[in-house]
């Protein structure tokens, strides 16, 4: 028995029901199932016009998820690599910068929770936080604040 082909619109709606997607992701995932690139573009235009496909909503969701563990630089990199427009990326980076110190402190507490006892340990903690995309200013602030506590 032959498998019934799923209409392109139904595929797109099923994808969007699971999570937010960028236009780039939707294009990549739907293209193999479409008759032409124009068909995919028309569908995505219709979904965006109805508000079902929103780059801003995707970026907000993704940035919120990443902010628990990562800094603004990592969020910026992730959003850009997923094809989010520069304007939306800048908005999300500004929002994440407002919470940078708190998020950095939370990540430090989860991973370490104790002050470094020597320069080698301090360097290790700083590299860990920097690798998570936190700014050098936030890292210094968190370790200094931890010293003051």
C-alpha atoms as a PDB file:
ATOM      1  CA  UNK A   1       0.000   0.000   0.000  1.00  0.00           C
ATOM      2  CA  UNK A   2       1.440   3.373  -1.034  1.00  0.00           C
ATOM      3  CA  UNK A   3       2.047   6.044   1.547  1.00  0.00           C
ATOM      4  CA  UNK A   4      -0.242   9.053   1.221  1.00  0.00           C
ATOM      5  CA  UNK A   5       1.608  12.312   0.567  1.00  0.00           C
ATOM      6  CA  UNK A   6       1.163  14.892   3.310  1.00  0.00           C
ATOM      7  CA  UNK A   7       0.214  18.311   1.951  1.00  0.00           C
ATOM      8  CA  UNK A   8       2.938  20.918   2.346  1.00  0.00           C
ATOM      9  CA  UNK A   9       0.711  23.209   4.418  1.00  0.00           C
ATOM     10  CA  UNK A  10      -0.052  20.383   6.864  1.00  0.00           C
ATOM     11  CA  UNK A  11       3.667  19.645   7.225  1.00  0.00           C
ATOM     12  CA  UNK A  12       4.369  23.294   7.968  1.00  0.00           C
ATOM     13  CA  UNK A  13       1.584  23.563  10.536  1.00  0.00           C
ATOM     14  CA  UNK A  14       2.723  20.368  12.259  1.00  0.00           C
ATOM     15  CA  UNK A  15       6.255  21.754  12.523  1.00  0.00           C
ATOM     16  CA  UNK A  16       4.999  25.060  13.935  1.00  0.00           C
ATOM     17  CA  UNK A  17       2.735  23.255  16.407  1.00  0.00           C
ATOM     18  CA  UNK A  18       5.786  21.593  17.965  1.00  0.00           C
ATOM     19  CA  UNK A  19       7.955  24.715  18.278  1.00  0.00           C
ATOM     20  CA  UNK A  20       8.747  28.071  16.695  1.00  0.00           C
ATOM     21  CA  UNK A  21      10.915  27.993  13.557  1.00  0.00           C
ATOM     22  CA  UNK A  22      12.744  30.582  11.506  1.00  0.00           C
ATOM     23  CA  UNK A  23      11.892  31.094   7.874  1.00  0.00           C
ATOM     24  CA  UNK A  24      15.298  29.636   6.952  1.00  0.00           C
ATOM     25  CA  UNK A  25      14.611  26.441   8.918  1.00  0.00           C
ATOM     26  CA  UNK A  26      11.128  26.085   7.436  1.00  0.00           C
ATOM     27  CA  UNK A  27      12.484  26.550   3.915  1.00  0.00           C
ATOM     28  CA  UNK A  28      15.177  23.927   4.479  1.00  0.00           C
ATOM     29  CA  UNK A  29      12.752  21.402   5.967  1.00  0.00           C
ATOM     30  CA  UNK A  30       9.909  21.911   3.500  1.00  0.00           C
ATOM     31  CA  UNK A  31      11.903  22.201   0.254  1.00  0.00           C
ATOM     32  CA  UNK A  32      12.386  18.430  -0.245  1.00  0.00           C
ATOM     33  CA  UNK A  33       8.604  17.977  -0.115  1.00  0.00           C
ATOM     34  CA  UNK A  34       7.655  20.874  -2.397  1.00  0.00           C
ATOM     35  CA  UNK A  35       7.181  20.918  -6.142  1.00  0.00           C
ATOM     36  CA  UNK A  36       9.060  24.219  -6.461  1.00  0.00           C
ATOM     37  CA  UNK A  37      10.849  26.806  -4.318  1.00  0.00           C
ATOM     38  CA  UNK A  38       8.094  29.285  -5.177  1.00  0.00           C
ATOM     39  CA  UNK A  39       5.525  26.994  -3.557  1.00  0.00           C
ATOM     40  CA  UNK A  40       7.484  27.029  -0.298  1.00  0.00           C
ATOM     41  CA  UNK A  41       7.895  30.819  -0.411  1.00  0.00           C
ATOM     42  CA  UNK A  42       4.182  31.367  -1.035  1.00  0.00           C
ATOM     43  CA  UNK A  43       3.271  29.091   1.853  1.00  0.00           C
ATOM     44  CA  UNK A  44       5.719  30.796   4.209  1.00  0.00           C
ATOM     45  CA  UNK A  45       4.432  34.228   3.159  1.00  0.00           C
ATOM     46  CA  UNK A  46       0.878  33.101   3.946  1.00  0.00           C
ATOM     47  CA  UNK A  47       1.912  31.680   7.339  1.00  0.00           C
ATOM     48  CA  UNK A  48       3.772  34.878   8.215  1.00  0.00           C
ATOM     49  CA  UNK A  49       0.811  37.033   7.140  1.00  0.00           C
ATOM     50  CA  UNK A  50      -1.443  35.103   9.527  1.00  0.00           C
ATOM     51  CA  UNK A  51       1.109  35.471  12.332  1.00  0.00           C
ATOM     52  CA  UNK A  52       1.815  31.752  12.551  1.00  0.00           C
ATOM     53  CA  UNK A  53       5.440  32.116  11.457  1.00  0.00           C
ATOM     54  CA  UNK A  54       7.238  34.786  13.442  1.00  0.00           C
ATOM     55  CA  UNK A  55      10.973  35.365  13.499  1.00  0.00           C
ATOM     56  CA  UNK A  56      10.631  37.588  16.569  1.00  0.00           C
ATOM     57  CA  UNK A  57       8.693  34.950  18.499  1.00  0.00           C
ATOM     58  CA  UNK A  58      11.298  32.330  17.573  1.00  0.00           C
ATOM     59  CA  UNK A  59      14.135  34.622  18.681  1.00  0.00           C
ATOM     60  CA  UNK A  60      12.429  35.443  21.992  1.00  0.00           C
ATOM     61  CA  UNK A  61      11.820  31.785  22.733  1.00  0.00           C
ATOM     62  CA  UNK A  62      15.330  30.708  21.764  1.00  0.00           C
ATOM     63  CA  UNK A  63      17.018  33.571  23.633  1.00  0.00           C
ATOM     64  CA  UNK A  64      14.981  32.837  26.761  1.00  0.00           C
ATOM     65  CA  UNK A  65      15.968  29.172  26.637  1.00  0.00           C
ATOM     66  CA  UNK A  66      19.652  29.907  26.077  1.00  0.00           C
ATOM     67  CA  UNK A  67      19.816  32.683  28.695  1.00  0.00           C
ATOM     68  CA  UNK A  68      19.585  30.118  31.495  1.00  0.00           C
ATOM     69  CA  UNK A  69      23.034  28.793  30.644  1.00  0.00           C
ATOM     70  CA  UNK A  70      24.688  31.161  28.190  1.00  0.00           C
ATOM     71  CA  UNK A  71      25.669  34.795  27.787  1.00  0.00           C
ATOM     72  CA  UNK A  72      24.692  37.379  25.221  1.00  0.00           C
ATOM     73  CA  UNK A  73      27.536  36.534  22.821  1.00  0.00           C
ATOM     74  CA  UNK A  74      26.433  32.893  22.614  1.00  0.00           C
ATOM     75  CA  UNK A  75      22.811  33.949  22.131  1.00  0.00           C
ATOM     76  CA  UNK A  76      23.833  36.337  19.363  1.00  0.00           C
ATOM     77  CA  UNK A  77      25.876  33.649  17.614  1.00  0.00           C
ATOM     78  CA  UNK A  78      23.095  31.077  17.872  1.00  0.00           C
ATOM     79  CA  UNK A  79      20.406  33.393  16.497  1.00  0.00           C
ATOM     80  CA  UNK A  80      22.592  34.586  13.619  1.00  0.00           C
ATOM     81  CA  UNK A  81      23.493  31.002  12.690  1.00  0.00           C
ATOM     82  CA  UNK A  82      19.781  30.159  12.508  1.00  0.00           C
ATOM     83  CA  UNK A  83      19.094  32.932  10.018  1.00  0.00           C
ATOM     84  CA  UNK A  84      17.433  35.496  12.289  1.00  0.00           C
ATOM     85  CA  UNK A  85      17.613  39.039  10.910  1.00  0.00           C
ATOM     86  CA  UNK A  86      20.183  41.447  12.327  1.00  0.00           C
ATOM     87  CA  UNK A  87      17.523  43.789  13.782  1.00  0.00           C
ATOM     88  CA  UNK A  88      15.836  41.012  15.756  1.00  0.00           C
ATOM     89  CA  UNK A  89      19.207  39.658  16.914  1.00  0.00           C
ATOM     90  CA  UNK A  90      20.145  43.111  18.232  1.00  0.00           C
ATOM     91  CA  UNK A  91      16.858  43.358  20.155  1.00  0.00           C
ATOM     92  CA  UNK A  92      17.434  39.967  21.782  1.00  0.00           C
ATOM     93  CA  UNK A  93      21.054  40.800  22.637  1.00  0.00           C
ATOM     94  CA  UNK A  94      19.947  44.036  24.317  1.00  0.00           C
ATOM     95  CA  UNK A  95      17.426  42.088  26.390  1.00  0.00           C
ATOM     96  CA  UNK A  96      19.983  39.460  27.358  1.00  0.00           C
ATOM     97  CA  UNK A  97      22.540  42.112  28.314  1.00  0.00           C
ATOM     98  CA  UNK A  98      20.064  43.467  30.856  1.00  0.00           C
ATOM     99  CA  UNK A  99      20.179  40.067  32.597  1.00  0.00           C
ATOM    100  CA  UNK A 100      23.821  39.237  31.871  1.00  0.00           C
ATOM    101  CA  UNK A 101      25.159  39.598  35.425  1.00  0.00           C
ATOM    102  CA  UNK A 102      22.328  37.599  36.997  1.00  0.00           C
ATOM    103  CA  UNK A 103      22.601  34.831  34.410  1.00  0.00           C
ATOM    104  CA  UNK A 104      26.381  34.707  34.737  1.00  0.00           C
ATOM    105  CA  UNK A 105      26.128  34.489  38.518  1.00  0.00           C
ATOM    106  CA  UNK A 106      23.541  31.695  38.276  1.00  0.00           C
ATOM    107  CA  UNK A 107      25.732  29.719  35.842  1.00  0.00           C
ATOM    108  CA  UNK A 108      28.750  30.210  38.132  1.00  0.00           C
ATOM    109  CA  UNK A 109      26.797  29.052  41.184  1.00  0.00           C
ATOM    110  CA  UNK A 110      25.481  25.932  39.389  1.00  0.00           C
ATOM    111  CA  UNK A 111      28.926  24.931  38.170  1.00  0.00           C
ATOM    112  CA  UNK A 112      31.214  26.053  40.975  1.00  0.00           C
ATOM    113  CA  UNK A 113      29.500  27.743  43.904  1.00  0.00           C
ATOM    114  CA  UNK A 114      32.786  28.228  45.738  1.00  0.00           C
ATOM    115  CA  UNK A 115      35.383  30.915  45.287  1.00  0.00           C
ATOM    116  CA  UNK A 116      38.600  30.043  43.497  1.00  0.00           C
ATOM    117  CA  UNK A 117      41.406  29.399  45.971  1.00  0.00           C
ATOM    118  CA  UNK A 118      44.250  30.159  43.583  1.00  0.00           C
ATOM    119  CA  UNK A 119      45.003  31.795  40.248  1.00  0.00           C
ATOM    120  CA  UNK A 120      44.732  28.535  38.302  1.00  0.00           C
ATOM    121  CA  UNK A 121      41.238  27.852  39.631  1.00  0.00           C
ATOM    122  CA  UNK A 122      40.219  31.467  39.022  1.00  0.00           C
ATOM    123  CA  UNK A 123      41.407  31.154  35.423  1.00  0.00           C
ATOM    124  CA  UNK A 124      39.470  27.916  35.001  1.00  0.00           C
ATOM    125  CA  UNK A 125      36.267  29.514  36.282  1.00  0.00           C
ATOM    126  CA  UNK A 126      36.772  32.577  34.103  1.00  0.00           C
ATOM    127  CA  UNK A 127      37.391  30.444  30.993  1.00  0.00           C
ATOM    128  CA  UNK A 128      34.286  28.387  31.695  1.00  0.00           C
ATOM    129  CA  UNK A 129      32.074  31.474  31.938  1.00  0.00           C
ATOM    130  CA  UNK A 130      33.702  33.129  28.918  1.00  0.00           C
ATOM    131  CA  UNK A 131      33.180  29.919  26.952  1.00  0.00           C
ATOM    132  CA  UNK A 132      29.500  30.137  27.800  1.00  0.00           C
ATOM    133  CA  UNK A 133      29.365  33.509  26.042  1.00  0.00           C
ATOM    134  CA  UNK A 134      29.393  35.810  29.047  1.00  0.00           C
ATOM    135  CA  UNK A 135      31.247  39.092  28.643  1.00  0.00           C
ATOM    136  CA  UNK A 136      34.567  39.602  30.398  1.00  0.00           C
ATOM    137  CA  UNK A 137      32.957  42.412  32.390  1.00  0.00           C
ATOM    138  CA  UNK A 138      30.198  40.095  33.630  1.00  0.00           C
ATOM    139  CA  UNK A 139      32.701  37.369  34.526  1.00  0.00           C
ATOM    140  CA  UNK A 140      34.909  39.793  36.486  1.00  0.00           C
ATOM    141  CA  UNK A 141      31.851  41.269  38.181  1.00  0.00           C
ATOM    142  CA  UNK A 142      30.547  37.854  39.252  1.00  0.00           C
ATOM    143  CA  UNK A 143      33.880  36.644  40.634  1.00  0.00           C
ATOM    144  CA  UNK A 144      34.489  39.965  42.383  1.00  0.00           C
ATOM    145  CA  UNK A 145      30.967  39.968  43.818  1.00  0.00           C
ATOM    146  CA  UNK A 146      31.513  36.399  44.977  1.00  0.00           C
ATOM    147  CA  UNK A 147      34.709  37.589  46.695  1.00  0.00           C
ATOM    148  CA  UNK A 148      32.725  40.320  48.451  1.00  0.00           C
ATOM    149  CA  UNK A 149      29.960  37.978  49.658  1.00  0.00           C
END
